[in-house]
Amino acid sequence: MRLPAFPNWFRFAKLPLRFVLIAPFVLQVTVAVGLTGYLSFRNGQQTVNNLSGQIRNQISDRIQDKLNTYFSAPKQLNQLNLQAIQLNLLKLDDFESTGQFFLAANAAF
């Protein structure tokens, strides 16, 4: 003769009381610590990405300023030379005075 089958929850009733009380608490603490760690990690990643983007933008702006400064000098020098030629201050057929003018203008920049 077979005994009636016990419900599935009855199997868990045989667990020690210490395990039944401690296991859910440990599970909650583990989940809370894990979630806090994950959120902190994600926040740290976002902060680092934000700061690196700001630094890249600052470096790009500085490079752009340096290049603009570097390439503006030859353009200004050419404009001054053109104006000197147009005003007949610079005689292209006199090689000696033209060379001295160019050396002086180059030293000024």
C-alpha atoms as a PDB file:
ATOM      1  CA  MET A   1       0.000   0.000   0.000  1.00  0.00           C
ATOM      2  CA  ARG A   2       1.345   3.382  -1.024  1.00  0.00           C
ATOM      3  CA  LEU A   3       1.338   6.410   1.168  1.00  0.00           C
ATOM      4  CA  PRO A   4      -0.211   9.553  -0.254  1.00  0.00           C
ATOM      5  CA  ALA A   5       2.325  11.832  -1.995  1.00  0.00           C
ATOM      6  CA  PHE A   6       3.372  14.918  -0.113  1.00  0.00           C
ATOM      7  CA  PRO A   7       3.237  18.290  -1.815  1.00  0.00           C
ATOM      8  CA  ASN A   8       6.505  19.691  -3.209  1.00  0.00           C
ATOM      9  CA  TRP A   9       6.755  22.405  -0.549  1.00  0.00           C
ATOM     10  CA  PHE A  10       6.997  19.704   2.111  1.00  0.00           C
ATOM     11  CA  ARG A  11      10.470  18.799   0.882  1.00  0.00           C
ATOM     12  CA  PHE A  12      11.641  22.286   1.783  1.00  0.00           C
ATOM     13  CA  ALA A  13      10.086  21.978   5.216  1.00  0.00           C
ATOM     14  CA  LYS A  14      12.820  19.531   6.136  1.00  0.00           C
ATOM     15  CA  LEU A  15      15.546  22.178   5.680  1.00  0.00           C
ATOM     16  CA  PRO A  16      17.169  23.398   8.889  1.00  0.00           C
ATOM     17  CA  LEU A  17      15.664  26.542  10.363  1.00  0.00           C
ATOM     18  CA  ARG A  18      19.088  28.267  10.389  1.00  0.00           C
ATOM     19  CA  PHE A  19      19.377  27.839   6.598  1.00  0.00           C
ATOM     20  CA  VAL A  20      15.812  29.019   5.991  1.00  0.00           C
ATOM     21  CA  LEU A  21      16.435  32.228   7.965  1.00  0.00           C
ATOM     22  CA  ILE A  22      19.950  33.002   6.752  1.00  0.00           C
ATOM     23  CA  ALA A  23      19.732  32.131   3.029  1.00  0.00           C
ATOM     24  CA  PRO A  24      17.249  34.877   2.011  1.00  0.00           C
ATOM     25  CA  PHE A  25      19.207  37.485   3.977  1.00  0.00           C
ATOM     26  CA  VAL A  26      22.487  36.454   2.337  1.00  0.00           C
ATOM     27  CA  LEU A  27      20.794  36.483  -1.070  1.00  0.00           C
ATOM     28  CA  GLN A  28      19.427  40.013  -0.506  1.00  0.00           C
ATOM     29  CA  VAL A  29      22.796  41.323   0.651  1.00  0.00           C
ATOM     30  CA  THR A  30      24.561  39.718  -2.312  1.00  0.00           C
ATOM     31  CA  VAL A  31      22.084  41.185  -4.804  1.00  0.00           C
ATOM     32  CA  ALA A  32      22.256  44.638  -3.181  1.00  0.00           C
ATOM     33  CA  VAL A  33      26.062  44.684  -3.164  1.00  0.00           C
ATOM     34  CA  GLY A  34      26.262  43.362  -6.721  1.00  0.00           C
ATOM     35  CA  LEU A  35      23.763  45.903  -8.029  1.00  0.00           C
ATOM     36  CA  THR A  36      25.521  48.755  -6.228  1.00  0.00           C
ATOM     37  CA  GLY A  37      28.871  47.664  -7.655  1.00  0.00           C
ATOM     38  CA  TYR A  38      27.470  47.403 -11.170  1.00  0.00           C
ATOM     39  CA  LEU A  39      25.830  50.831 -11.003  1.00  0.00           C
ATOM     40  CA  SER A  40      29.015  52.372  -9.616  1.00  0.00           C
ATOM     41  CA  PHE A  41      31.035  50.798 -12.413  1.00  0.00           C
ATOM     42  CA  ARG A  42      28.651  52.084 -15.099  1.00  0.00           C
ATOM     43  CA  ASN A  43      28.673  55.576 -13.562  1.00  0.00           C
ATOM     44  CA  GLY A  44      32.472  55.514 -13.537  1.00  0.00           C
ATOM     45  CA  GLN A  45      32.556  54.489 -17.189  1.00  0.00           C
ATOM     46  CA  GLN A  46      30.213  57.302 -18.168  1.00  0.00           C
ATOM     47  CA  THR A  47      32.275  59.825 -16.227  1.00  0.00           C
ATOM     48  CA  VAL A  48      35.529  58.683 -17.837  1.00  0.00           C
ATOM     49  CA  ASN A  49      33.965  58.795 -21.309  1.00  0.00           C
ATOM     50  CA  ASN A  50      32.641  62.292 -20.637  1.00  0.00           C
ATOM     51  CA  LEU A  51      35.995  63.583 -19.404  1.00  0.00           C
ATOM     52  CA  SER A  52      37.909  61.988 -22.265  1.00  0.00           C
ATOM     53  CA  GLY A  53      35.545  63.657 -24.720  1.00  0.00           C
ATOM     54  CA  GLN A  54      36.128  67.029 -23.086  1.00  0.00           C
ATOM     55  CA  ILE A  55      39.888  66.534 -23.185  1.00  0.00           C
ATOM     56  CA  ARG A  56      39.764  65.523 -26.867  1.00  0.00           C
ATOM     57  CA  ASN A  57      37.779  68.675 -27.660  1.00  0.00           C
ATOM     58  CA  GLN A  58      40.239  70.883 -25.767  1.00  0.00           C
ATOM     59  CA  ILE A  59      43.221  69.310 -27.508  1.00  0.00           C
ATOM     60  CA  SER A  60      41.545  69.679 -30.884  1.00  0.00           C
ATOM     61  CA  ASP A  61      40.830  73.351 -30.210  1.00  0.00           C
ATOM     62  CA  ARG A  62      44.414  73.986 -29.130  1.00  0.00           C
ATOM     63  CA  ILE A  63      45.799  72.262 -32.218  1.00  0.00           C
ATOM     64  CA  GLN A  64      43.465  74.302 -34.412  1.00  0.00           C
ATOM     65  CA  ASP A  65      44.626  77.546 -32.749  1.00  0.00           C
ATOM     66  CA  LYS A  66      48.307  76.631 -33.150  1.00  0.00           C
ATOM     67  CA  LEU A  67      47.818  75.735 -36.818  1.00  0.00           C
ATOM     68  CA  ASN A  68      45.917  78.951 -37.503  1.00  0.00           C
ATOM     69  CA  THR A  69      48.709  80.965 -35.878  1.00  0.00           C
ATOM     70  CA  TYR A  70      51.410  79.024 -37.723  1.00  0.00           C
ATOM     71  CA  PHE A  71      49.794  79.374 -41.147  1.00  0.00           C
ATOM     72  CA  SER A  72      48.715  83.007 -40.777  1.00  0.00           C
ATOM     73  CA  ALA A  73      52.298  84.336 -40.680  1.00  0.00           C
ATOM     74  CA  PRO A  74      53.265  83.301 -44.254  1.00  0.00           C
ATOM     75  CA  LYS A  75      50.013  84.718 -45.590  1.00  0.00           C
ATOM     76  CA  GLN A  76      50.648  88.070 -43.898  1.00  0.00           C
ATOM     77  CA  LEU A  77      54.238  88.076 -45.125  1.00  0.00           C
ATOM     78  CA  ASN A  78      53.109  87.480 -48.710  1.00  0.00           C
ATOM     79  CA  GLN A  79      50.542  90.262 -48.443  1.00  0.00           C
ATOM     80  CA  LEU A  80      53.206  92.677 -47.181  1.00  0.00           C
ATOM     81  CA  ASN A  81      55.539  91.693 -50.019  1.00  0.00           C
ATOM     82  CA  LEU A  82      52.764  92.182 -52.560  1.00  0.00           C
ATOM     83  CA  GLN A  83      51.960  95.617 -51.165  1.00  0.00           C
ATOM     84  CA  ALA A  84      55.646  96.586 -51.215  1.00  0.00           C
ATOM     85  CA  ILE A  85      55.867  95.578 -54.876  1.00  0.00           C
ATOM     86  CA  GLN A  86      52.644  97.392 -55.790  1.00  0.00           C
ATOM     87  CA  LEU A  87      53.803 100.597 -54.052  1.00  0.00           C
ATOM     88  CA  ASN A  88      57.185 100.384 -55.802  1.00  0.00           C
ATOM     89  CA  LEU A  89      58.968 100.089 -52.454  1.00  0.00           C
ATOM     90  CA  LEU A  90      60.532  96.855 -53.594  1.00  0.00           C
ATOM     91  CA  LYS A  91      62.430  96.736 -56.878  1.00  0.00           C
ATOM     92  CA  LEU A  92      62.506  93.188 -58.196  1.00  0.00           C
ATOM     93  CA  ASP A  93      65.291  93.954 -60.663  1.00  0.00           C
ATOM     94  CA  ASP A  94      67.649  94.975 -57.803  1.00  0.00           C
ATOM     95  CA  PHE A  95      68.574  91.589 -56.370  1.00  0.00           C
ATOM     96  CA  GLU A  96      70.652  92.948 -53.451  1.00  0.00           C
ATOM     97  CA  SER A  97      67.973  95.248 -51.987  1.00  0.00           C
ATOM     98  CA  THR A  98      65.248  92.664 -52.605  1.00  0.00           C
ATOM     99  CA  GLY A  99      67.238  90.036 -50.698  1.00  0.00           C
ATOM    100  CA  GLN A 100      67.826  92.413 -47.791  1.00  0.00           C
ATOM    101  CA  PHE A 101      64.098  93.295 -47.725  1.00  0.00           C
ATOM    102  CA  PHE A 102      63.091  89.642 -47.632  1.00  0.00           C
ATOM    103  CA  LEU A 103      65.618  88.866 -44.892  1.00  0.00           C
ATOM    104  CA  ALA A 104      64.342  91.755 -42.768  1.00  0.00           C
ATOM    105  CA  ALA A 105      60.716  90.758 -43.305  1.00  0.00           C
ATOM    106  CA  ASN A 106      61.512  87.126 -42.482  1.00  0.00           C
ATOM    107  CA  ALA A 107      63.267  88.152 -39.273  1.00  0.00           C
ATOM    108  CA  ALA A 108      60.241  90.223 -38.251  1.00  0.00           C
ATOM    109  CA  PHE A 109      58.043  87.135 -38.374  1.00  0.00           C
END
